[in-house]
Amino acid sequence: MGDLYIDFEMLEKTQKDIRDIHEVMAAPCREMEDVDGAAMGVFKLAKRMDDFGDEWSYGIKQMSKFSKSAAKALGQIKKTFEETDEQFARELEKARSGKGGKR
């Protein structure tokens, strides 16, 4: 048994959770973009509200972008570990059957 263990089920769940961040944050992001500071009445307050909405929207979009990248990276990590695991299994089988060359 190897020293390295990857819990693929947990990796897939984490990947899905990170991917879902985009969907969870999409509605609040749209709502903040629709907020009109002018509805506040007082100019300074309206301006601050518009600025806050813009910054909040930008931050949420960045989180969404980064979560997509992280989910993609986790998928690649999983794929690489699976390929490596399969390669190790093949090499181990070769070594056990005497086809692996010198020991």
N, C-alpha and C. Protein backbone atom coordinates (compact mmCIF):
# COMPACT_ATOMS: atom_id res chain seq x y z
N MET A 1 0.85 -1.17 0.00
CA MET A 1 0.00 0.00 0.00
C MET A 1 0.89 1.23 0.00
N GLY A 2 0.53 2.21 -0.80
CA GLY A 2 1.33 3.41 -0.92
C GLY A 2 1.15 4.36 0.25
N ASP A 3 2.04 5.31 0.32
CA ASP A 3 1.98 6.31 1.39
C ASP A 3 1.04 7.46 1.05
N LEU A 4 0.63 7.54 -0.21
CA LEU A 4 -0.21 8.63 -0.64
C LEU A 4 -1.63 8.13 -0.89
N TYR A 5 -2.59 8.83 -0.29
CA TYR A 5 -3.99 8.46 -0.47
C TYR A 5 -4.76 9.71 -0.87
N ILE A 6 -5.52 9.62 -1.93
CA ILE A 6 -6.36 10.72 -2.38
C ILE A 6 -7.81 10.29 -2.25
N ASP A 7 -8.58 11.06 -1.52
CA ASP A 7 -10.01 10.80 -1.37
C ASP A 7 -10.72 11.47 -2.55
N PHE A 8 -10.91 10.70 -3.63
CA PHE A 8 -11.49 11.25 -4.85
C PHE A 8 -12.92 11.73 -4.63
N GLU A 9 -13.66 11.06 -3.79
CA GLU A 9 -15.03 11.48 -3.51
C GLU A 9 -15.04 12.87 -2.87
N MET A 10 -14.15 13.08 -1.92
CA MET A 10 -14.06 14.39 -1.27
C MET A 10 -13.55 15.45 -2.25
N LEU A 11 -12.60 15.07 -3.10
CA LEU A 11 -12.08 16.00 -4.09
C LEU A 11 -13.20 16.43 -5.04
N GLU A 12 -14.02 15.48 -5.48
CA GLU A 12 -15.14 15.81 -6.37
C GLU A 12 -16.16 16.70 -5.67
N LYS A 13 -16.44 16.42 -4.40
CA LYS A 13 -17.39 17.24 -3.65
C LYS A 13 -16.87 18.66 -3.49
N THR A 14 -15.59 18.78 -3.18
CA THR A 14 -14.99 20.10 -3.04
C THR A 14 -15.04 20.86 -4.37
N GLN A 15 -14.73 20.16 -5.45
CA GLN A 15 -14.79 20.77 -6.77
C GLN A 15 -16.20 21.28 -7.07
N LYS A 16 -17.20 20.46 -6.78
CA LYS A 16 -18.60 20.86 -7.01
C LYS A 16 -18.96 22.06 -6.15
N ASP A 17 -18.57 22.04 -4.88
CA ASP A 17 -18.88 23.15 -3.98
C ASP A 17 -18.26 24.45 -4.47
N ILE A 18 -17.03 24.38 -4.92
CA ILE A 18 -16.36 25.58 -5.42
C ILE A 18 -17.03 26.06 -6.70
N ARG A 19 -17.39 25.12 -7.57
CA ARG A 19 -18.08 25.48 -8.81
C ARG A 19 -19.43 26.14 -8.51
N ASP A 20 -20.09 25.68 -7.47
CA ASP A 20 -21.41 26.22 -7.10
C ASP A 20 -21.35 27.65 -6.57
N ILE A 21 -20.18 28.09 -6.13
CA ILE A 21 -20.05 29.46 -5.63
C ILE A 21 -20.53 30.45 -6.68
N HIS A 22 -20.19 30.21 -7.93
CA HIS A 22 -20.61 31.10 -9.01
C HIS A 22 -22.12 31.21 -9.07
N GLU A 23 -22.79 30.08 -9.02
CA GLU A 23 -24.24 30.07 -9.12
C GLU A 23 -24.89 30.72 -7.90
N VAL A 24 -24.34 30.46 -6.73
CA VAL A 24 -24.90 31.02 -5.50
C VAL A 24 -24.78 32.54 -5.49
N MET A 25 -23.67 33.05 -6.01
CA MET A 25 -23.42 34.48 -5.95
C MET A 25 -24.00 35.26 -7.13
N ALA A 26 -24.45 34.58 -8.17
CA ALA A 26 -24.94 35.27 -9.37
C ALA A 26 -26.14 36.16 -9.08
N ALA A 27 -27.12 35.67 -8.34
CA ALA A 27 -28.33 36.46 -8.06
C ALA A 27 -28.01 37.71 -7.23
N PRO A 28 -27.29 37.60 -6.11
CA PRO A 28 -26.97 38.82 -5.36
C PRO A 28 -26.16 39.82 -6.19
N CYS A 29 -25.31 39.31 -7.06
CA CYS A 29 -24.50 40.18 -7.91
C CYS A 29 -25.41 40.98 -8.85
N ARG A 30 -26.36 40.29 -9.48
CA ARG A 30 -27.30 40.98 -10.37
C ARG A 30 -28.12 42.01 -9.59
N GLU A 31 -28.55 41.64 -8.40
CA GLU A 31 -29.35 42.56 -7.59
C GLU A 31 -28.56 43.81 -7.21
N MET A 32 -27.30 43.63 -6.86
CA MET A 32 -26.48 44.80 -6.50
C MET A 32 -26.25 45.69 -7.71
N GLU A 33 -26.11 45.09 -8.90
CA GLU A 33 -25.92 45.90 -10.10
C GLU A 33 -27.17 46.73 -10.39
N ASP A 34 -28.32 46.22 -10.00
CA ASP A 34 -29.59 46.91 -10.27
C ASP A 34 -29.91 47.99 -9.24
N VAL A 35 -29.17 48.03 -8.13
CA VAL A 35 -29.44 49.04 -7.11
C VAL A 35 -29.04 50.41 -7.65
N ASP A 36 -29.96 51.33 -7.58
CA ASP A 36 -29.70 52.70 -8.04
C ASP A 36 -29.56 53.59 -6.81
N GLY A 37 -28.37 54.13 -6.65
CA GLY A 37 -28.10 54.98 -5.50
C GLY A 37 -29.02 56.19 -5.44
N ALA A 38 -29.52 56.64 -6.59
CA ALA A 38 -30.40 57.82 -6.62
C ALA A 38 -31.67 57.58 -5.81
N ALA A 39 -32.05 56.34 -5.64
CA ALA A 39 -33.25 56.02 -4.87
C ALA A 39 -33.07 56.38 -3.40
N MET A 40 -31.84 56.60 -2.97
CA MET A 40 -31.56 56.94 -1.58
C MET A 40 -31.95 58.38 -1.25
N GLY A 41 -32.06 59.21 -2.28
CA GLY A 41 -32.48 60.59 -2.05
C GLY A 41 -31.35 61.56 -1.82
N VAL A 42 -30.53 61.34 -0.85
CA VAL A 42 -29.42 62.25 -0.52
C VAL A 42 -28.26 61.93 -1.45
N PHE A 43 -27.73 62.98 -2.12
CA PHE A 43 -26.70 62.78 -3.13
C PHE A 43 -25.49 62.01 -2.61
N LYS A 44 -24.94 62.43 -1.46
CA LYS A 44 -23.74 61.76 -0.93
C LYS A 44 -24.02 60.29 -0.64
N LEU A 45 -25.18 60.03 -0.08
CA LEU A 45 -25.55 58.65 0.21
C LEU A 45 -25.76 57.87 -1.08
N ALA A 46 -26.38 58.50 -2.05
CA ALA A 46 -26.60 57.85 -3.34
C ALA A 46 -25.27 57.50 -3.99
N LYS A 47 -24.33 58.43 -3.95
CA LYS A 47 -23.01 58.20 -4.55
C LYS A 47 -22.30 57.06 -3.84
N ARG A 48 -22.34 57.05 -2.52
CA ARG A 48 -21.69 55.98 -1.75
C ARG A 48 -22.33 54.63 -2.05
N MET A 49 -23.64 54.63 -2.19
CA MET A 49 -24.36 53.39 -2.49
C MET A 49 -23.97 52.87 -3.87
N ASP A 50 -23.88 53.77 -4.85
CA ASP A 50 -23.45 53.36 -6.19
C ASP A 50 -22.03 52.79 -6.15
N ASP A 51 -21.13 53.48 -5.45
CA ASP A 51 -19.75 53.01 -5.34
C ASP A 51 -19.69 51.63 -4.66
N PHE A 52 -20.44 51.50 -3.58
CA PHE A 52 -20.47 50.21 -2.88
C PHE A 52 -20.98 49.11 -3.80
N GLY A 53 -22.06 49.38 -4.51
CA GLY A 53 -22.62 48.39 -5.43
C GLY A 53 -21.63 47.98 -6.50
N ASP A 54 -20.91 48.96 -7.05
CA ASP A 54 -19.91 48.66 -8.08
C ASP A 54 -18.79 47.80 -7.51
N GLU A 55 -18.29 48.16 -6.34
CA GLU A 55 -17.20 47.40 -5.73
C GLU A 55 -17.66 46.00 -5.33
N TRP A 56 -18.84 45.91 -4.79
CA TRP A 56 -19.38 44.61 -4.37
C TRP A 56 -19.55 43.72 -5.59
N SER A 57 -20.11 44.28 -6.65
CA SER A 57 -20.32 43.52 -7.88
C SER A 57 -18.99 43.03 -8.44
N TYR A 58 -17.99 43.92 -8.46
CA TYR A 58 -16.66 43.54 -8.94
C TYR A 58 -16.09 42.40 -8.11
N GLY A 59 -16.19 42.52 -6.79
CA GLY A 59 -15.66 41.48 -5.90
C GLY A 59 -16.33 40.14 -6.12
N ILE A 60 -17.64 40.16 -6.29
CA ILE A 60 -18.38 38.91 -6.51
C ILE A 60 -17.99 38.30 -7.85
N LYS A 61 -17.84 39.14 -8.86
CA LYS A 61 -17.42 38.62 -10.18
C LYS A 61 -16.03 37.98 -10.08
N GLN A 62 -15.15 38.60 -9.31
CA GLN A 62 -13.81 38.03 -9.14
C GLN A 62 -13.88 36.69 -8.41
N MET A 63 -14.71 36.62 -7.36
CA MET A 63 -14.88 35.35 -6.64
C MET A 63 -15.40 34.27 -7.59
N SER A 64 -16.34 34.64 -8.42
CA SER A 64 -16.90 33.71 -9.38
C SER A 64 -15.83 33.22 -10.36
N LYS A 65 -15.06 34.17 -10.86
CA LYS A 65 -13.99 33.84 -11.81
C LYS A 65 -12.96 32.90 -11.16
N PHE A 66 -12.55 33.24 -9.95
CA PHE A 66 -11.55 32.43 -9.27
C PHE A 66 -12.10 31.06 -8.86
N SER A 67 -13.37 31.01 -8.52
CA SER A 67 -13.96 29.71 -8.15
C SER A 67 -14.02 28.79 -9.37
N LYS A 68 -14.31 29.35 -10.53
CA LYS A 68 -14.31 28.53 -11.76
C LYS A 68 -12.91 27.99 -12.02
N SER A 69 -11.91 28.86 -11.87
CA SER A 69 -10.52 28.43 -12.08
C SER A 69 -10.11 27.36 -11.07
N ALA A 70 -10.51 27.54 -9.82
CA ALA A 70 -10.17 26.56 -8.79
C ALA A 70 -10.84 25.22 -9.06
N ALA A 71 -12.10 25.24 -9.49
CA ALA A 71 -12.81 24.00 -9.80
C ALA A 71 -12.14 23.29 -10.97
N LYS A 72 -11.73 24.06 -11.96
CA LYS A 72 -11.04 23.47 -13.12
C LYS A 72 -9.71 22.85 -12.68
N ALA A 73 -8.98 23.55 -11.83
CA ALA A 73 -7.69 23.04 -11.34
C ALA A 73 -7.88 21.76 -10.53
N LEU A 74 -8.92 21.70 -9.70
CA LEU A 74 -9.19 20.48 -8.93
C LEU A 74 -9.51 19.32 -9.86
N GLY A 75 -10.23 19.59 -10.94
CA GLY A 75 -10.51 18.56 -11.92
C GLY A 75 -9.23 18.02 -12.55
N GLN A 76 -8.31 18.92 -12.86
CA GLN A 76 -7.04 18.50 -13.44
C GLN A 76 -6.20 17.72 -12.43
N ILE A 77 -6.22 18.14 -11.18
CA ILE A 77 -5.50 17.42 -10.12
C ILE A 77 -6.04 16.00 -10.00
N LYS A 78 -7.36 15.87 -9.98
CA LYS A 78 -7.99 14.55 -9.88
C LYS A 78 -7.58 13.68 -11.07
N LYS A 79 -7.66 14.25 -12.26
CA LYS A 79 -7.29 13.50 -13.47
C LYS A 79 -5.84 13.03 -13.40
N THR A 80 -4.94 13.92 -12.99
CA THR A 80 -3.52 13.57 -12.91
C THR A 80 -3.27 12.48 -11.88
N PHE A 81 -3.91 12.58 -10.71
CA PHE A 81 -3.75 11.54 -9.70
C PHE A 81 -4.30 10.20 -10.18
N GLU A 82 -5.43 10.22 -10.87
CA GLU A 82 -5.99 8.97 -11.38
C GLU A 82 -5.06 8.34 -12.41
N GLU A 83 -4.53 9.16 -13.32
CA GLU A 83 -3.60 8.65 -14.33
C GLU A 83 -2.34 8.09 -13.68
N THR A 84 -1.81 8.81 -12.70
CA THR A 84 -0.61 8.36 -11.99
C THR A 84 -0.88 7.06 -11.25
N ASP A 85 -2.02 6.97 -10.60
CA ASP A 85 -2.40 5.76 -9.88
C ASP A 85 -2.49 4.57 -10.83
N GLU A 86 -3.10 4.78 -11.99
CA GLU A 86 -3.21 3.71 -12.98
C GLU A 86 -1.84 3.30 -13.50
N GLN A 87 -0.97 4.28 -13.72
CA GLN A 87 0.38 3.98 -14.19
C GLN A 87 1.16 3.19 -13.14
N PHE A 88 1.05 3.58 -11.88
CA PHE A 88 1.71 2.84 -10.81
C PHE A 88 1.19 1.41 -10.74
N ALA A 89 -0.11 1.24 -10.88
CA ALA A 89 -0.70 -0.10 -10.83
C ALA A 89 -0.16 -0.97 -11.96
N ARG A 90 -0.06 -0.40 -13.16
CA ARG A 90 0.49 -1.15 -14.31
C ARG A 90 1.94 -1.55 -14.05
N GLU A 91 2.73 -0.59 -13.57
CA GLU A 91 4.15 -0.87 -13.31
C GLU A 91 4.32 -1.90 -12.19
N LEU A 92 3.50 -1.82 -11.18
CA LEU A 92 3.55 -2.79 -10.10
C LEU A 92 3.20 -4.19 -10.61
N GLU A 93 2.19 -4.26 -11.45
CA GLU A 93 1.80 -5.55 -12.02
C GLU A 93 2.92 -6.12 -12.89
N LYS A 94 3.58 -5.26 -13.67
CA LYS A 94 4.72 -5.71 -14.49
C LYS A 94 5.82 -6.26 -13.60
N ALA A 95 6.14 -5.53 -12.53
CA ALA A 95 7.20 -5.96 -11.62
C ALA A 95 6.86 -7.29 -10.96
N ARG A 96 5.61 -7.47 -10.59
CA ARG A 96 5.19 -8.72 -9.95
C ARG A 96 5.23 -9.90 -10.92
N SER A 97 4.96 -9.63 -12.17
CA SER A 97 4.94 -10.72 -13.15
C SER A 97 6.32 -10.97 -13.76
N GLY A 98 7.31 -10.19 -13.35
CA GLY A 98 8.66 -10.40 -13.83
C GLY A 98 8.95 -9.71 -15.15
N LYS A 99 8.07 -8.87 -15.62
CA LYS A 99 8.26 -8.17 -16.90
C LYS A 99 8.76 -6.75 -16.70
N GLY A 100 9.08 -6.42 -15.49
CA GLY A 100 9.45 -5.04 -15.18
C GLY A 100 10.92 -4.75 -15.28
N GLY A 101 11.72 -5.68 -15.76
CA GLY A 101 13.16 -5.44 -15.85
C GLY A 101 13.85 -5.79 -14.55
N LYS A 102 15.03 -5.21 -14.37
CA LYS A 102 15.82 -5.48 -13.17
C LYS A 102 15.21 -4.84 -11.94
N ARG A 103 15.43 -5.48 -10.80
CA ARG A 103 14.96 -4.91 -9.53
C ARG A 103 16.10 -4.33 -8.77
